[in-house]
Amino acid sequence: MTFKHFLLGIFVLATLTAPARAMETLSAPARVMETISPEGVQEGFIQVNGGRIWYRAVGTHRTGTPLLALHGGPGGTHDYLEPLEEMADERMVVFFDQIGSGKSDIPDDPAFWTIENYLQEITAVRQALNLGRVHVLGHSWGSMLALDYALGKPAGVVSLTLSGPILSASRFIQDVERCVKQLPPSAQRAIKDSKESGEYGGQEYQDALNLFYMHNVCRLYPWPRSLNRSMQSFGMQVYEYMWGPSELSLTGTLKDFERVDRLKELALPALFTCGRFDQATPASTAFYQSQLAGSELVVFENAAHEHHLEKKEEYLRTLRAFLSKAEKPYDGIMLTRNGQVVCPKTK
């Protein structure tokens, strides 16, 4: 099995909800090839910079604040976020494949593979589907995207969930190196030799990488079908350009991504999650959480980066409770900006 089949990358979830005055700067993007089923499932394409992005909305008839799921990668697809569809019993859940991967258009131009362009896709989806108030949840690379989106202070964002967060590229690489040290000596040597030579196609390196994924990415065996589907349509060009040859080597355009110091700018309910064996380690996730006043942290035992798959029921239960609480910001939640309370607690 090659690296392209086993690659996970950095994944994202996002939940969004915004008031009617949101997103006034752009006209609503065109939707084409739209289909709607009697079960409240809607699929189609939305025109964005660089082509069309494919979307899937489940539970379109529900009245709860929508949840928008931003997948990881860069270059990943929506498929592995499939468990979130169970949330559609109370709210609409929206998925989409970012440009360059999955069912969306794949332009052969790195000019479209930028954080700025992917942030515009979030806005386009909200506008096209008329999402007002919205929860934002990002997983892995998605956490990077979701955080930058929230830092732009878009109207209507009710809460932020960052799962398997990567908010400091330098810290993430240090964490990955610590995880590698837990592998057998032969695997450590293979990884070290490949980094030094710049050759990543050898079988010994692939075997070592597979061990890393089984330890620190997804500990289920076999992997869930939804995760395998994401791997089969992974946008490798995007991944290699923005991240690098593998999780273990950050050489792309995201190598200088550092946002920890900006967490204090946020004033909204936030949830941080990770697995006990996550490559986005519990120590780093707890550190990020400590920088955002009033935020919450949940670590899932016996799980890794894909803890929403490995501990699905527990994860969904945690998410449901958090979103419900976040929708009542005046009931026991103290929101602060620069140390000042902006939404005082009332009873």
Protein backbone atom coordinates (compact mmCIF):
# COMPACT_ATOMS: atom_id res chain seq x y z
CA MET A 1 0.00 0.00 0.00
CA THR A 2 1.45 3.38 -0.99
CA PHE A 3 1.56 6.61 0.94
CA LYS A 4 -1.14 8.08 -1.27
CA HIS A 5 -3.57 5.39 -0.16
CA PHE A 6 -2.66 5.62 3.51
CA LEU A 7 -2.29 9.36 3.89
CA LEU A 8 -4.62 10.99 6.36
CA GLY A 9 -3.45 14.54 6.54
CA ILE A 10 -4.98 17.21 8.62
CA PHE A 11 -8.75 17.13 8.88
CA VAL A 12 -11.33 19.74 9.69
CA LEU A 13 -14.92 20.06 11.05
CA ALA A 14 -16.87 23.21 11.17
CA THR A 15 -20.23 24.17 12.53
CA LEU A 16 -21.67 27.54 11.55
CA THR A 17 -24.73 29.71 12.31
CA ALA A 18 -25.03 33.47 11.37
CA PRO A 19 -27.64 36.24 11.62
CA ALA A 20 -29.42 37.68 8.62
CA ARG A 21 -27.06 40.67 8.41
CA ALA A 22 -24.03 38.40 7.89
CA MET A 23 -21.99 38.17 4.70
CA GLU A 24 -23.13 41.42 3.16
CA THR A 25 -19.89 41.99 1.26
CA LEU A 26 -20.41 39.31 -1.40
CA SER A 27 -23.32 38.48 -3.64
CA ALA A 28 -24.74 34.99 -3.28
CA PRO A 29 -22.78 32.49 -5.40
CA ALA A 30 -24.55 30.48 -8.04
CA ARG A 31 -25.74 26.95 -7.28
CA VAL A 32 -25.87 24.46 -10.14
CA MET A 33 -26.86 20.80 -10.60
CA GLU A 34 -28.82 20.79 -7.36
CA THR A 35 -30.81 17.74 -6.26
CA ILE A 36 -33.18 17.49 -3.30
CA SER A 37 -34.49 14.22 -1.88
CA PRO A 38 -37.67 13.70 0.17
CA GLU A 39 -35.50 12.78 3.17
CA GLY A 40 -34.17 16.31 3.51
CA VAL A 41 -30.86 15.65 1.72
CA GLN A 42 -29.69 18.27 -0.76
CA GLU A 43 -26.60 18.04 -2.99
CA GLY A 44 -25.15 20.28 -5.64
CA PHE A 45 -22.32 22.57 -6.68
CA ILE A 46 -21.44 26.14 -5.72
CA GLN A 47 -19.35 28.39 -7.92
CA VAL A 48 -16.22 29.75 -6.18
CA ASN A 49 -12.86 31.15 -7.15
CA GLY A 50 -11.16 28.37 -9.10
CA GLY A 51 -14.22 26.37 -10.08
CA ARG A 52 -17.13 24.60 -8.40
CA ILE A 53 -17.23 23.01 -4.97
CA TRP A 54 -19.57 20.11 -4.24
CA TYR A 55 -21.77 20.22 -1.15
CA ARG A 56 -24.15 17.93 0.72
CA ALA A 57 -26.72 19.21 3.21
CA VAL A 58 -28.48 16.67 5.45
CA GLY A 59 -31.52 17.49 7.57
CA THR A 60 -32.52 20.54 5.54
CA HIS A 61 -35.96 20.45 7.19
CA ARG A 62 -34.59 20.75 10.74
CA THR A 63 -34.89 24.00 12.65
CA GLY A 64 -31.80 23.78 14.87
CA THR A 65 -28.77 25.99 14.24
CA PRO A 66 -26.89 24.43 11.29
CA LEU A 67 -23.57 22.62 11.55
CA LEU A 68 -21.07 23.11 8.73
CA ALA A 69 -18.38 20.41 8.55
CA LEU A 70 -15.01 21.50 7.16
CA HIS A 71 -12.86 18.54 6.25
CA GLY A 72 -9.12 18.24 6.71
CA GLY A 73 -6.18 17.75 4.44
CA PRO A 74 -5.27 20.08 2.89
CA GLY A 75 -6.64 18.01 0.06
CA GLY A 76 -8.94 15.80 2.13
CA THR A 77 -12.62 15.20 1.47
CA HIS A 78 -15.88 15.29 3.38
CA ASP A 79 -16.39 11.51 3.50
CA TYR A 80 -14.66 10.71 6.79
CA LEU A 81 -16.91 13.19 8.59
CA GLU A 82 -19.88 10.94 7.85
CA PRO A 83 -20.71 10.32 11.56
CA LEU A 84 -21.80 13.95 11.83
CA GLU A 85 -24.85 13.12 9.70
CA GLU A 86 -26.37 11.68 12.86
CA MET A 87 -26.61 15.25 14.15
CA ALA A 88 -29.19 15.91 11.43
CA ASP A 89 -31.94 14.66 13.71
CA GLU A 90 -31.94 18.12 15.29
CA ARG A 91 -30.12 20.48 12.89
CA MET A 92 -29.00 20.76 9.29
CA VAL A 93 -25.48 19.42 8.76
CA VAL A 94 -23.56 20.73 5.74
CA PHE A 95 -20.49 19.12 4.15
CA PHE A 96 -18.43 20.22 1.17
CA ASP A 97 -15.25 19.19 -0.60
CA GLN A 98 -12.75 22.01 -0.78
CA ILE A 99 -11.43 23.01 -4.19
CA GLY A 100 -8.80 20.57 -5.42
CA SER A 101 -10.22 17.38 -3.92
CA GLY A 102 -13.11 14.92 -3.83
CA LYS A 103 -16.14 15.76 -5.96
CA SER A 104 -15.16 19.42 -6.36
CA ASP A 105 -13.24 20.81 -9.33
CA ILE A 106 -9.49 20.21 -9.30
CA PRO A 107 -7.75 23.16 -10.98
CA ASP A 108 -4.10 22.54 -11.76
CA ASP A 109 -3.05 25.92 -10.36
CA PRO A 110 -1.47 26.51 -6.91
CA ALA A 111 -2.87 30.05 -6.95
CA PHE A 112 -6.15 28.55 -5.68
CA TRP A 113 -4.50 26.55 -2.87
CA THR A 114 -4.35 29.28 -0.26
CA ILE A 115 -5.92 29.87 3.14
CA GLU A 116 -7.56 33.02 1.78
CA ASN A 117 -9.23 31.11 -1.03
CA TYR A 118 -10.50 28.38 1.31
CA LEU A 119 -11.88 31.01 3.69
CA GLN A 120 -13.85 32.45 0.78
CA GLU A 121 -15.33 29.00 0.18
CA ILE A 122 -16.82 29.01 3.69
CA THR A 123 -18.45 32.36 2.97
CA ALA A 124 -19.72 31.09 -0.38
CA VAL A 125 -21.32 28.02 1.20
CA ARG A 126 -23.02 30.11 3.88
CA GLN A 127 -24.39 32.48 1.29
CA ALA A 128 -25.53 29.85 -1.19
CA LEU A 129 -27.35 27.82 1.46
CA ASN A 130 -28.65 30.87 3.29
CA LEU A 131 -26.96 29.92 6.54
CA GLY A 132 -27.48 32.65 9.11
CA ARG A 133 -26.41 31.75 12.64
CA VAL A 134 -23.92 28.91 12.50
CA HIS A 135 -21.56 26.78 14.64
CA VAL A 136 -18.01 26.36 13.31
CA LEU A 137 -16.08 23.15 14.02
CA GLY A 138 -12.74 22.35 12.41
CA HIS A 139 -10.69 19.15 12.58
CA SER A 140 -6.93 19.13 12.04
CA TRP A 141 -6.16 21.31 8.98
CA GLY A 142 -9.79 22.24 9.41
CA SER A 143 -8.99 23.67 12.81
CA MET A 144 -6.48 25.99 11.16
CA LEU A 145 -9.08 27.10 8.65
CA ALA A 146 -11.86 27.38 11.20
CA LEU A 147 -9.74 29.48 13.55
CA ASP A 148 -8.72 31.92 10.84
CA TYR A 149 -12.36 32.18 9.80
CA ALA A 150 -13.42 32.99 13.36
CA LEU A 151 -10.61 35.52 13.74
CA GLY A 152 -12.14 37.45 10.85
CA LYS A 153 -15.15 38.07 13.13
CA PRO A 154 -17.84 36.98 10.63
CA ALA A 155 -21.33 37.75 11.85
CA GLY A 156 -23.39 34.91 13.22
CA VAL A 157 -20.77 32.45 14.39
CA VAL A 158 -22.29 30.95 17.53
CA SER A 159 -19.44 28.66 18.59
CA LEU A 160 -16.10 27.20 17.57
CA THR A 161 -15.10 23.55 17.89
CA LEU A 162 -11.49 22.60 17.16
CA SER A 163 -10.86 18.85 17.01
CA GLY A 164 -7.33 17.51 16.73
CA PRO A 165 -6.27 21.18 16.52
CA ILE A 166 -3.13 22.41 14.78
CA LEU A 167 -2.78 26.04 15.80
CA SER A 168 1.01 26.13 15.76
CA ALA A 169 2.88 24.41 12.92
CA SER A 170 6.14 24.38 14.85
CA ARG A 171 4.53 22.86 17.93
CA PHE A 172 2.74 20.23 15.82
CA ILE A 173 5.98 19.06 14.24
CA GLN A 174 7.56 18.79 17.70
CA ASP A 175 4.58 16.70 18.81
CA VAL A 176 4.88 14.45 15.77
CA GLU A 177 8.57 13.92 16.51
CA ARG A 178 7.67 12.86 20.05
CA CYS A 179 5.12 10.41 18.65
CA VAL A 180 7.73 8.98 16.27
CA LYS A 181 10.00 8.27 19.26
CA GLN A 182 7.33 5.87 20.54
CA LEU A 183 7.67 3.73 17.40
CA PRO A 184 10.03 0.73 17.13
CA PRO A 185 13.71 1.67 16.53
CA SER A 186 13.62 0.30 12.97
CA ALA A 187 10.70 2.59 12.09
CA GLN A 188 12.44 5.57 13.67
CA ARG A 189 15.55 4.89 11.58
CA ALA A 190 13.55 4.59 8.36
CA ILE A 191 11.85 7.94 9.01
CA LYS A 192 15.14 9.61 9.92
CA ASP A 193 16.89 8.26 6.81
CA SER A 194 14.09 9.42 4.50
CA LYS A 195 14.10 12.92 5.97
CA GLU A 196 17.85 13.20 5.52
CA SER A 197 17.80 11.87 1.96
CA GLY A 198 14.59 13.55 0.86
CA GLU A 199 13.38 10.22 -0.56
CA TYR A 200 9.96 9.18 0.67
CA GLY A 201 8.98 6.37 -1.69
CA GLY A 202 10.91 3.49 -0.13
CA GLN A 203 9.09 0.53 1.37
CA GLU A 204 10.77 0.87 4.77
CA TYR A 205 9.56 4.46 5.05
CA GLN A 206 6.05 3.49 3.94
CA ASP A 207 5.93 0.74 6.55
CA ALA A 208 7.11 3.16 9.24
CA LEU A 209 4.54 5.74 8.15
CA ASN A 210 1.78 3.14 8.30
CA LEU A 211 2.80 2.32 11.87
CA PHE A 212 2.62 6.00 12.77
CA TYR A 213 -0.88 6.26 11.29
CA MET A 214 -2.07 3.18 13.18
CA HIS A 215 -0.68 4.56 16.45
CA ASN A 216 -1.45 8.26 16.20
CA VAL A 217 -4.03 8.86 13.47
CA CYS A 218 -6.66 6.11 13.58
CA ARG A 219 -6.36 3.12 15.89
CA LEU A 220 -9.33 1.23 14.42
CA TYR A 221 -8.66 -1.87 12.34
CA PRO A 222 -9.77 -2.06 9.68
CA TRP A 223 -10.25 1.62 9.02
CA PRO A 224 -13.86 2.77 8.57
CA ARG A 225 -15.11 2.83 4.99
CA SER A 226 -15.76 6.57 5.19
CA LEU A 227 -12.09 7.17 6.00
CA ASN A 228 -10.95 4.94 3.14
CA ARG A 229 -13.21 6.85 0.75
CA SER A 230 -11.52 10.09 1.77
CA MET A 231 -8.14 8.52 1.07
CA GLN A 232 -9.20 7.32 -2.37
CA SER A 233 -10.08 10.82 -3.57
CA PHE A 234 -7.40 12.70 -1.67
CA GLY A 235 -5.99 15.81 -3.41
CA MET A 236 -2.28 15.00 -3.20
CA GLN A 237 -1.20 18.04 -5.22
CA VAL A 238 -2.86 20.35 -2.71
CA TYR A 239 -1.44 18.44 0.24
CA GLU A 240 2.13 18.40 -1.02
CA TYR A 241 2.01 22.09 -1.93
CA MET A 242 0.51 23.32 1.33
CA TRP A 243 1.88 20.74 3.80
CA GLY A 244 4.61 18.50 2.40
CA PRO A 245 5.46 14.90 1.45
CA SER A 246 3.88 13.45 4.62
CA GLU A 247 2.58 14.31 8.09
CA LEU A 248 6.13 13.98 9.34
CA SER A 249 7.65 16.60 7.02
CA LEU A 250 6.20 20.11 6.95
CA THR A 251 7.77 21.90 3.99
CA GLY A 252 4.79 23.58 2.31
CA THR A 253 3.09 26.96 2.56
CA LEU A 254 1.64 26.18 6.02
CA LYS A 255 5.07 25.79 7.61
CA ASP A 256 4.87 29.23 9.23
CA PHE A 257 1.28 28.91 10.50
CA GLU A 258 1.26 30.22 14.11
CA ARG A 259 -1.98 31.46 15.70
CA VAL A 260 -1.71 30.71 19.43
CA ASP A 261 -1.12 34.36 20.34
CA ARG A 262 -4.36 35.35 18.59
CA LEU A 263 -6.67 33.02 20.52
CA LYS A 264 -7.19 35.78 23.08
CA GLU A 265 -8.91 37.84 20.37
CA LEU A 266 -11.90 35.49 20.36
CA ALA A 267 -15.01 35.95 22.50
CA LEU A 268 -17.29 33.00 21.81
CA PRO A 269 -17.95 29.52 23.25
CA ALA A 270 -15.21 27.12 22.16
CA LEU A 271 -14.57 23.40 22.52
CA PHE A 272 -11.20 21.70 22.02
CA THR A 273 -11.05 17.93 21.50
CA CYS A 274 -8.33 15.36 20.85
CA GLY A 275 -7.54 11.69 21.38
CA ARG A 276 -5.20 10.41 24.08
CA PHE A 277 -2.78 9.19 21.36
CA ASP A 278 -3.49 12.07 18.96
CA GLN A 279 -0.67 13.50 16.88
CA ALA A 280 -2.23 16.79 17.99
CA THR A 281 -1.29 15.81 21.51
CA PRO A 282 -3.38 16.34 24.65
CA ALA A 283 -0.60 18.56 26.05
CA SER A 284 -0.70 20.92 23.07
CA THR A 285 -4.50 20.86 22.89
CA ALA A 286 -4.68 21.75 26.60
CA PHE A 287 -2.20 24.56 26.01
CA TYR A 288 -4.34 26.00 23.22
CA GLN A 289 -7.44 25.71 25.39
CA SER A 290 -5.69 27.59 28.22
CA GLN A 291 -5.20 30.57 25.89
CA LEU A 292 -8.94 31.03 25.21
CA ALA A 293 -10.85 32.13 28.28
CA GLY A 294 -13.98 30.15 29.07
CA SER A 295 -13.26 27.38 26.54
CA GLU A 296 -13.63 23.66 27.21
CA LEU A 297 -11.37 20.63 26.66
CA VAL A 298 -12.29 16.97 26.16
CA VAL A 299 -9.69 14.20 25.66
CA PHE A 300 -11.02 10.88 24.34
CA GLU A 301 -9.30 7.84 25.82
CA ASN A 302 -7.97 5.01 23.64
CA ALA A 303 -8.30 7.19 20.55
CA ALA A 304 -6.08 9.25 18.27
CA HIS A 305 -6.50 11.94 15.61
CA GLU A 306 -9.72 10.47 14.21
CA HIS A 307 -11.40 10.34 17.61
CA HIS A 308 -14.74 11.30 16.05
CA LEU A 309 -14.58 7.89 14.30
CA GLU A 310 -12.85 5.92 17.03
CA LYS A 311 -15.18 7.11 19.79
CA LYS A 312 -18.15 8.10 17.66
CA GLU A 313 -20.94 7.89 20.22
CA GLU A 314 -18.96 9.67 22.91
CA TYR A 315 -17.83 12.35 20.48
CA LEU A 316 -21.35 13.02 19.18
CA ARG A 317 -22.73 13.12 22.70
CA THR A 318 -20.07 15.66 23.69
CA LEU A 319 -20.71 17.76 20.60
CA ARG A 320 -24.48 17.76 21.06
CA ALA A 321 -24.15 18.97 24.65
CA PHE A 322 -21.67 21.70 23.71
CA LEU A 323 -23.72 23.04 20.79
CA SER A 324 -26.86 23.09 22.89
CA LYS A 325 -25.10 25.05 25.62
CA ALA A 326 -23.46 27.40 23.12
CA GLU A 327 -26.87 28.32 21.75
CA LYS A 328 -27.78 29.73 25.18
CA PRO A 329 -24.86 32.14 25.74
CA TYR A 330 -26.61 34.08 28.46
CA ASP A 331 -27.24 31.02 30.63
CA GLY A 332 -24.09 30.42 32.60
CA ILE A 333 -21.49 31.30 29.94
CA MET A 334 -19.23 34.28 30.49
CA LEU A 335 -17.86 35.67 27.23
CA THR A 336 -14.88 38.00 27.43
CA ARG A 337 -12.95 40.22 25.06
CA ASN A 338 -9.61 41.61 26.21
CA GLY A 339 -10.49 40.56 29.73
CA GLN A 340 -13.84 42.35 29.75
CA VAL A 341 -17.16 40.55 30.10
CA VAL A 342 -19.29 41.21 27.01
CA CYS A 343 -22.16 38.80 27.74
CA PRO A 344 -22.83 38.79 31.48
CA LYS A 345 -24.35 35.70 33.03
CA THR A 346 -28.03 35.96 33.80
CA LYS A 347 -30.56 33.65 35.40
